Amino acid sequence: MEAKERHKRNVAKEIIELAWPSITEQMLIMTVGMVSTIFVGRISASAIAAVGMINSLIFFFQAIFSGLATGSTVIVARLIGEEDEEGARLAVMQSLIMSIAIFIGLTTLGYIFAVPIVKTFFGSVSTDVFKLAL
């Protein structure tokens, strides 16, 4: 009986309820990039190019954390479905610690290797754009 009831509920509504925070987050991140571009657009074309370059890098690294969040959500949801509350709490804690450790590592590497990273991703750009991007 319970399985039949599960199939009757509105899954689309549940998906939207679960997805709206992520959708809102993505829209806000895009808005930050657009607002940055608008502000620096008053400075110079080089500034716009630099902001565009860095926004691309931000989206690249954001994809890493989106993947971690998705994987963590799947594991936590499975554990909750199995009614393993302690396991779910442990998974959340490990996910948080792992995300913080990866963030610190990537931030440190990004700071140390900023020049090679920008050169690798964007090749040769004008000197003024390169300086502004750093």
N, C-alpha and C. Protein backbone atom coordinates (compact mmCIF):
# COMPACT_ATOMS: atom_id res chain seq x y z
N MET A 1 0.82 -1.20 0.00
CA MET A 1 0.00 0.00 0.00
C MET A 1 0.87 1.27 0.00
N GLU A 2 1.90 1.24 0.81
CA GLU A 2 2.77 2.41 0.89
C GLU A 2 3.47 2.69 -0.44
N ALA A 3 3.89 1.66 -1.15
CA ALA A 3 4.54 1.84 -2.45
C ALA A 3 3.58 2.46 -3.45
N LYS A 4 2.32 2.06 -3.41
CA LYS A 4 1.33 2.64 -4.32
C LYS A 4 1.11 4.11 -4.01
N GLU A 5 1.07 4.46 -2.74
CA GLU A 5 0.89 5.86 -2.35
C GLU A 5 2.06 6.71 -2.82
N ARG A 6 3.24 6.14 -2.78
CA ARG A 6 4.43 6.85 -3.21
C ARG A 6 4.34 7.23 -4.68
N HIS A 7 3.76 6.36 -5.49
CA HIS A 7 3.64 6.62 -6.93
C HIS A 7 2.56 7.65 -7.23
N LYS A 8 1.63 7.84 -6.34
CA LYS A 8 0.52 8.77 -6.59
C LYS A 8 0.90 10.23 -6.34
N ARG A 9 1.87 10.45 -5.49
CA ARG A 9 2.19 11.84 -5.16
C ARG A 9 2.83 12.56 -6.35
N ASN A 10 2.79 13.86 -6.29
CA ASN A 10 3.27 14.70 -7.38
C ASN A 10 4.80 14.84 -7.28
N VAL A 11 5.50 14.02 -8.04
CA VAL A 11 6.97 14.02 -8.00
C VAL A 11 7.52 15.33 -8.56
N ALA A 12 6.89 15.87 -9.59
CA ALA A 12 7.37 17.13 -10.18
C ALA A 12 7.39 18.24 -9.13
N LYS A 13 6.36 18.28 -8.29
CA LYS A 13 6.31 19.30 -7.24
C LYS A 13 7.46 19.10 -6.26
N GLU A 14 7.74 17.87 -5.90
CA GLU A 14 8.84 17.59 -4.98
C GLU A 14 10.18 17.96 -5.58
N ILE A 15 10.35 17.69 -6.87
CA ILE A 15 11.60 18.05 -7.54
C ILE A 15 11.81 19.55 -7.51
N ILE A 16 10.76 20.30 -7.81
CA ILE A 16 10.86 21.76 -7.80
C ILE A 16 11.17 22.27 -6.40
N GLU A 17 10.52 21.69 -5.39
CA GLU A 17 10.77 22.11 -4.01
C GLU A 17 12.22 21.85 -3.61
N LEU A 18 12.78 20.75 -4.08
CA LEU A 18 14.17 20.43 -3.75
C LEU A 18 15.16 21.22 -4.60
N ALA A 19 14.79 21.54 -5.82
CA ALA A 19 15.72 22.18 -6.75
C ALA A 19 15.77 23.70 -6.62
N TRP A 20 14.73 24.34 -6.12
CA TRP A 20 14.72 25.80 -6.16
C TRP A 20 15.89 26.44 -5.42
N PRO A 21 16.37 25.93 -4.29
CA PRO A 21 17.55 26.58 -3.69
C PRO A 21 18.78 26.53 -4.60
N SER A 22 18.98 25.41 -5.26
CA SER A 22 20.12 25.29 -6.17
C SER A 22 19.96 26.20 -7.38
N ILE A 23 18.75 26.26 -7.91
CA ILE A 23 18.48 27.14 -9.05
C ILE A 23 18.73 28.60 -8.65
N THR A 24 18.25 28.97 -7.47
CA THR A 24 18.44 30.34 -6.98
C THR A 24 19.92 30.65 -6.81
N GLU A 25 20.67 29.69 -6.25
CA GLU A 25 22.11 29.88 -6.08
C GLU A 25 22.80 30.12 -7.42
N GLN A 26 22.48 29.32 -8.41
CA GLN A 26 23.10 29.46 -9.73
C GLN A 26 22.76 30.82 -10.35
N MET A 27 21.51 31.24 -10.19
CA MET A 27 21.11 32.54 -10.73
C MET A 27 21.84 33.68 -10.04
N LEU A 28 22.02 33.58 -8.73
CA LEU A 28 22.74 34.62 -8.00
C LEU A 28 24.21 34.68 -8.40
N ILE A 29 24.82 33.52 -8.61
CA ILE A 29 26.22 33.49 -9.05
C ILE A 29 26.35 34.14 -10.42
N MET A 30 25.43 33.84 -11.32
CA MET A 30 25.46 34.47 -12.64
C MET A 30 25.24 35.98 -12.52
N THR A 31 24.36 36.38 -11.61
CA THR A 31 24.08 37.80 -11.42
C THR A 31 25.33 38.54 -10.93
N VAL A 32 26.09 37.92 -10.04
CA VAL A 32 27.33 38.55 -9.56
C VAL A 32 28.27 38.80 -10.73
N GLY A 33 28.41 37.81 -11.62
CA GLY A 33 29.26 37.98 -12.80
C GLY A 33 28.77 39.10 -13.70
N MET A 34 27.45 39.17 -13.90
CA MET A 34 26.90 40.22 -14.76
C MET A 34 27.09 41.60 -14.14
N VAL A 35 26.84 41.71 -12.83
CA VAL A 35 27.01 43.00 -12.16
C VAL A 35 28.47 43.43 -12.19
N SER A 36 29.39 42.49 -11.98
CA SER A 36 30.82 42.82 -12.08
C SER A 36 31.16 43.35 -13.46
N THR A 37 30.63 42.71 -14.48
CA THR A 37 30.88 43.14 -15.86
C THR A 37 30.31 44.54 -16.09
N ILE A 38 29.13 44.80 -15.58
CA ILE A 38 28.51 46.12 -15.74
C ILE A 38 29.37 47.19 -15.07
N PHE A 39 29.83 46.92 -13.85
CA PHE A 39 30.65 47.90 -13.14
C PHE A 39 31.96 48.17 -13.85
N VAL A 40 32.67 47.13 -14.25
CA VAL A 40 33.97 47.35 -14.87
C VAL A 40 33.83 47.81 -16.31
N GLY A 41 32.66 47.65 -16.88
CA GLY A 41 32.42 48.13 -18.24
C GLY A 41 32.62 49.63 -18.35
N ARG A 42 32.50 50.31 -17.25
CA ARG A 42 32.70 51.76 -17.24
C ARG A 42 34.19 52.12 -17.19
N ILE A 43 35.01 51.12 -16.90
CA ILE A 43 36.45 51.38 -16.78
C ILE A 43 37.13 51.25 -18.14
N SER A 44 37.07 50.03 -18.71
CA SER A 44 37.73 49.81 -20.00
C SER A 44 37.32 48.46 -20.57
N ALA A 45 37.63 48.28 -21.85
CA ALA A 45 37.37 47.00 -22.51
C ALA A 45 38.28 45.92 -21.92
N SER A 46 39.48 46.29 -21.54
CA SER A 46 40.40 45.33 -20.92
C SER A 46 39.84 44.81 -19.60
N ALA A 47 39.22 45.70 -18.84
CA ALA A 47 38.63 45.29 -17.57
C ALA A 47 37.49 44.30 -17.79
N ILE A 48 36.68 44.55 -18.81
CA ILE A 48 35.59 43.62 -19.13
C ILE A 48 36.16 42.26 -19.52
N ALA A 49 37.20 42.26 -20.32
CA ALA A 49 37.82 41.00 -20.74
C ALA A 49 38.38 40.24 -19.53
N ALA A 50 39.02 40.95 -18.61
CA ALA A 50 39.60 40.31 -17.43
C ALA A 50 38.51 39.70 -16.55
N VAL A 51 37.43 40.43 -16.35
CA VAL A 51 36.32 39.91 -15.54
C VAL A 51 35.70 38.69 -16.21
N GLY A 52 35.54 38.74 -17.51
CA GLY A 52 35.00 37.59 -18.24
C GLY A 52 35.88 36.36 -18.10
N MET A 53 37.19 36.57 -18.17
CA MET A 53 38.12 35.45 -18.01
C MET A 53 37.99 34.83 -16.62
N ILE A 54 37.99 35.67 -15.61
CA ILE A 54 37.95 35.17 -14.24
C ILE A 54 36.60 34.52 -13.94
N ASN A 55 35.51 35.07 -14.49
CA ASN A 55 34.20 34.43 -14.31
C ASN A 55 34.21 33.01 -14.87
N SER A 56 34.89 32.80 -15.99
CA SER A 56 34.99 31.46 -16.57
C SER A 56 35.71 30.52 -15.62
N LEU A 57 36.77 30.99 -15.00
CA LEU A 57 37.49 30.16 -14.03
C LEU A 57 36.63 29.86 -12.81
N ILE A 58 35.89 30.85 -12.36
CA ILE A 58 35.01 30.65 -11.21
C ILE A 58 34.00 29.54 -11.52
N PHE A 59 33.40 29.58 -12.71
CA PHE A 59 32.43 28.54 -13.08
C PHE A 59 33.09 27.18 -13.18
N PHE A 60 34.33 27.13 -13.64
CA PHE A 60 35.07 25.87 -13.74
C PHE A 60 35.23 25.24 -12.35
N PHE A 61 35.70 26.03 -11.40
CA PHE A 61 35.92 25.50 -10.06
C PHE A 61 34.60 25.27 -9.32
N GLN A 62 33.60 26.05 -9.64
CA GLN A 62 32.29 25.83 -9.04
C GLN A 62 31.73 24.47 -9.44
N ALA A 63 32.02 24.02 -10.64
CA ALA A 63 31.55 22.71 -11.10
C ALA A 63 32.09 21.59 -10.21
N ILE A 64 33.30 21.75 -9.72
CA ILE A 64 33.88 20.75 -8.81
C ILE A 64 33.03 20.63 -7.56
N PHE A 65 32.67 21.76 -6.99
CA PHE A 65 31.89 21.73 -5.75
C PHE A 65 30.44 21.33 -5.99
N SER A 66 29.91 21.63 -7.15
CA SER A 66 28.56 21.15 -7.48
C SER A 66 28.55 19.63 -7.57
N GLY A 67 29.60 19.07 -8.15
CA GLY A 67 29.70 17.61 -8.22
C GLY A 67 29.81 16.99 -6.84
N LEU A 68 30.62 17.59 -5.97
CA LEU A 68 30.74 17.09 -4.60
C LEU A 68 29.40 17.17 -3.87
N ALA A 69 28.69 18.27 -4.07
CA ALA A 69 27.39 18.44 -3.41
C ALA A 69 26.40 17.40 -3.90
N THR A 70 26.39 17.14 -5.20
CA THR A 70 25.47 16.15 -5.76
C THR A 70 25.78 14.76 -5.20
N GLY A 71 27.04 14.39 -5.22
CA GLY A 71 27.43 13.08 -4.68
C GLY A 71 27.09 12.95 -3.21
N SER A 72 27.35 13.99 -2.45
CA SER A 72 27.04 13.97 -1.02
C SER A 72 25.54 13.85 -0.78
N THR A 73 24.77 14.58 -1.56
CA THR A 73 23.31 14.54 -1.41
C THR A 73 22.78 13.14 -1.66
N VAL A 74 23.30 12.49 -2.68
CA VAL A 74 22.85 11.13 -3.00
C VAL A 74 23.14 10.19 -1.84
N ILE A 75 24.33 10.27 -1.29
CA ILE A 75 24.71 9.37 -0.19
C ILE A 75 23.87 9.65 1.05
N VAL A 76 23.73 10.93 1.40
CA VAL A 76 22.94 11.29 2.58
C VAL A 76 21.48 10.87 2.40
N ALA A 77 20.92 11.09 1.21
CA ALA A 77 19.53 10.71 0.96
C ALA A 77 19.35 9.19 1.08
N ARG A 78 20.31 8.45 0.57
CA ARG A 78 20.22 6.98 0.66
C ARG A 78 20.25 6.54 2.12
N LEU A 79 21.14 7.13 2.90
CA LEU A 79 21.24 6.77 4.32
C LEU A 79 19.98 7.15 5.09
N ILE A 80 19.42 8.30 4.76
CA ILE A 80 18.17 8.70 5.41
C ILE A 80 17.05 7.74 5.01
N GLY A 81 17.02 7.35 3.74
CA GLY A 81 16.03 6.39 3.27
C GLY A 81 16.16 5.05 3.97
N GLU A 82 17.38 4.68 4.32
CA GLU A 82 17.64 3.44 5.05
C GLU A 82 17.42 3.63 6.55
N GLU A 83 17.00 4.84 6.94
CA GLU A 83 16.77 5.21 8.34
C GLU A 83 18.04 5.08 9.18
N ASP A 84 19.17 5.36 8.56
CA ASP A 84 20.47 5.36 9.24
C ASP A 84 20.84 6.81 9.54
N GLU A 85 20.23 7.36 10.59
CA GLU A 85 20.43 8.77 10.91
C GLU A 85 21.88 9.05 11.30
N GLU A 86 22.49 8.15 12.04
CA GLU A 86 23.88 8.35 12.44
C GLU A 86 24.81 8.33 11.22
N GLY A 87 24.57 7.41 10.29
CA GLY A 87 25.36 7.35 9.06
C GLY A 87 25.19 8.61 8.23
N ALA A 88 23.95 9.13 8.19
CA ALA A 88 23.68 10.35 7.43
C ALA A 88 24.43 11.53 8.04
N ARG A 89 24.42 11.61 9.36
CA ARG A 89 25.14 12.70 10.04
C ARG A 89 26.65 12.61 9.76
N LEU A 90 27.16 11.39 9.81
CA LEU A 90 28.58 11.18 9.53
C LEU A 90 28.91 11.56 8.09
N ALA A 91 28.04 11.20 7.15
CA ALA A 91 28.26 11.54 5.74
C ALA A 91 28.25 13.05 5.53
N VAL A 92 27.33 13.74 6.20
CA VAL A 92 27.27 15.21 6.09
C VAL A 92 28.56 15.82 6.64
N MET A 93 29.01 15.34 7.79
CA MET A 93 30.22 15.88 8.39
C MET A 93 31.44 15.62 7.51
N GLN A 94 31.57 14.40 6.99
CA GLN A 94 32.70 14.09 6.12
C GLN A 94 32.66 14.91 4.83
N SER A 95 31.46 15.11 4.30
CA SER A 95 31.31 15.92 3.09
C SER A 95 31.74 17.36 3.35
N LEU A 96 31.33 17.89 4.48
CA LEU A 96 31.70 19.26 4.83
C LEU A 96 33.21 19.40 5.00
N ILE A 97 33.81 18.48 5.73
CA ILE A 97 35.26 18.52 5.94
C ILE A 97 36.00 18.38 4.61
N MET A 98 35.55 17.45 3.77
CA MET A 98 36.19 17.25 2.47
C MET A 98 36.07 18.51 1.60
N SER A 99 34.90 19.13 1.60
CA SER A 99 34.70 20.34 0.80
C SER A 99 35.59 21.47 1.28
N ILE A 100 35.69 21.63 2.60
CA ILE A 100 36.56 22.68 3.14
C ILE A 100 38.02 22.41 2.80
N ALA A 101 38.44 21.16 2.93
CA ALA A 101 39.83 20.80 2.61
C ALA A 101 40.14 21.05 1.14
N ILE A 102 39.23 20.66 0.25
CA ILE A 102 39.43 20.88 -1.18
C ILE A 102 39.44 22.37 -1.49
N PHE A 103 38.54 23.12 -0.84
CA PHE A 103 38.50 24.57 -1.04
C PHE A 103 39.83 25.21 -0.64
N ILE A 104 40.33 24.85 0.54
CA ILE A 104 41.60 25.42 1.00
C ILE A 104 42.73 25.03 0.05
N GLY A 105 42.75 23.78 -0.38
CA GLY A 105 43.78 23.33 -1.30
C GLY A 105 43.73 24.06 -2.63
N LEU A 106 42.54 24.16 -3.22
CA LEU A 106 42.41 24.84 -4.51
C LEU A 106 42.71 26.33 -4.40
N THR A 107 42.28 26.94 -3.30
CA THR A 107 42.56 28.37 -3.09
C THR A 107 44.06 28.61 -2.96
N THR A 108 44.73 27.77 -2.20
CA THR A 108 46.18 27.90 -2.04
C THR A 108 46.89 27.71 -3.37
N LEU A 109 46.53 26.65 -4.09
CA LEU A 109 47.15 26.41 -5.39
C LEU A 109 46.84 27.55 -6.37
N GLY A 110 45.61 28.05 -6.33
CA GLY A 110 45.23 29.16 -7.20
C GLY A 110 46.03 30.42 -6.91
N TYR A 111 46.29 30.66 -5.64
CA TYR A 111 47.08 31.83 -5.27
C TYR A 111 48.53 31.66 -5.71
N ILE A 112 49.09 30.49 -5.46
CA ILE A 112 50.49 30.25 -5.79
C ILE A 112 50.71 30.20 -7.30
N PHE A 113 49.80 29.54 -8.00
CA PHE A 113 49.98 29.31 -9.44
C PHE A 113 49.02 30.14 -10.30
N ALA A 114 48.66 31.33 -9.84
CA ALA A 114 47.71 32.16 -10.58
C ALA A 114 48.19 32.45 -12.00
N VAL A 115 49.44 32.80 -12.15
CA VAL A 115 49.96 33.14 -13.48
C VAL A 115 49.89 31.95 -14.43
N PRO A 116 50.43 30.78 -14.06
CA PRO A 116 50.33 29.64 -14.99
C PRO A 116 48.89 29.20 -15.27
N ILE A 117 48.01 29.33 -14.26
CA ILE A 117 46.61 28.94 -14.46
C ILE A 117 45.97 29.83 -15.51
N VAL A 118 46.14 31.14 -15.38
CA VAL A 118 45.55 32.06 -16.35
C VAL A 118 46.14 31.83 -17.73
N LYS A 119 47.46 31.61 -17.80
CA LYS A 119 48.09 31.34 -19.10
C LYS A 119 47.59 30.04 -19.72
N THR A 120 47.41 29.01 -18.89
CA THR A 120 46.94 27.72 -19.39
C THR A 120 45.52 27.81 -19.93
N PHE A 121 44.65 28.47 -19.21
CA PHE A 121 43.25 28.54 -19.61
C PHE A 121 43.01 29.52 -20.75
N PHE A 122 43.78 30.59 -20.80
CA PHE A 122 43.46 31.65 -21.76
C PHE A 122 44.56 31.95 -22.75
N GLY A 123 45.65 31.23 -22.70
CA GLY A 123 46.72 31.44 -23.68
C GLY A 123 47.32 32.82 -23.54
N SER A 124 47.67 33.37 -24.67
CA SER A 124 48.29 34.69 -24.64
C SER A 124 47.20 35.75 -24.80
N VAL A 125 47.12 36.61 -23.81
CA VAL A 125 46.22 37.76 -23.86
C VAL A 125 47.07 39.00 -23.71
N SER A 126 46.48 40.14 -23.98
CA SER A 126 47.25 41.38 -23.86
C SER A 126 47.72 41.57 -22.42
N THR A 127 48.81 42.27 -22.28
CA THR A 127 49.43 42.47 -20.97
C THR A 127 48.49 43.15 -19.99
N ASP A 128 47.76 44.16 -20.45
CA ASP A 128 46.87 44.87 -19.54
C ASP A 128 45.71 43.98 -19.07
N VAL A 129 45.17 43.15 -19.95
CA VAL A 129 44.10 42.22 -19.55
C VAL A 129 44.66 41.20 -18.57
N PHE A 130 45.85 40.70 -18.85
CA PHE A 130 46.49 39.71 -17.98
C PHE A 130 46.69 40.27 -16.57
N LYS A 131 47.20 41.49 -16.48
CA LYS A 131 47.43 42.12 -15.17
C LYS A 131 46.12 42.33 -14.42
N LEU A 132 45.10 42.76 -15.13
CA LEU A 132 43.80 42.97 -14.48
C LEU A 132 43.18 41.66 -14.02
N ALA A 133 43.40 40.60 -14.77
CA ALA A 133 42.83 39.29 -14.41
C ALA A 133 43.46 38.74 -13.14
N LEU A 134 44.72 39.08 -12.92
CA LEU A 134 45.38 38.59 -11.71
C LEU A 134 44.94 39.39 -10.51
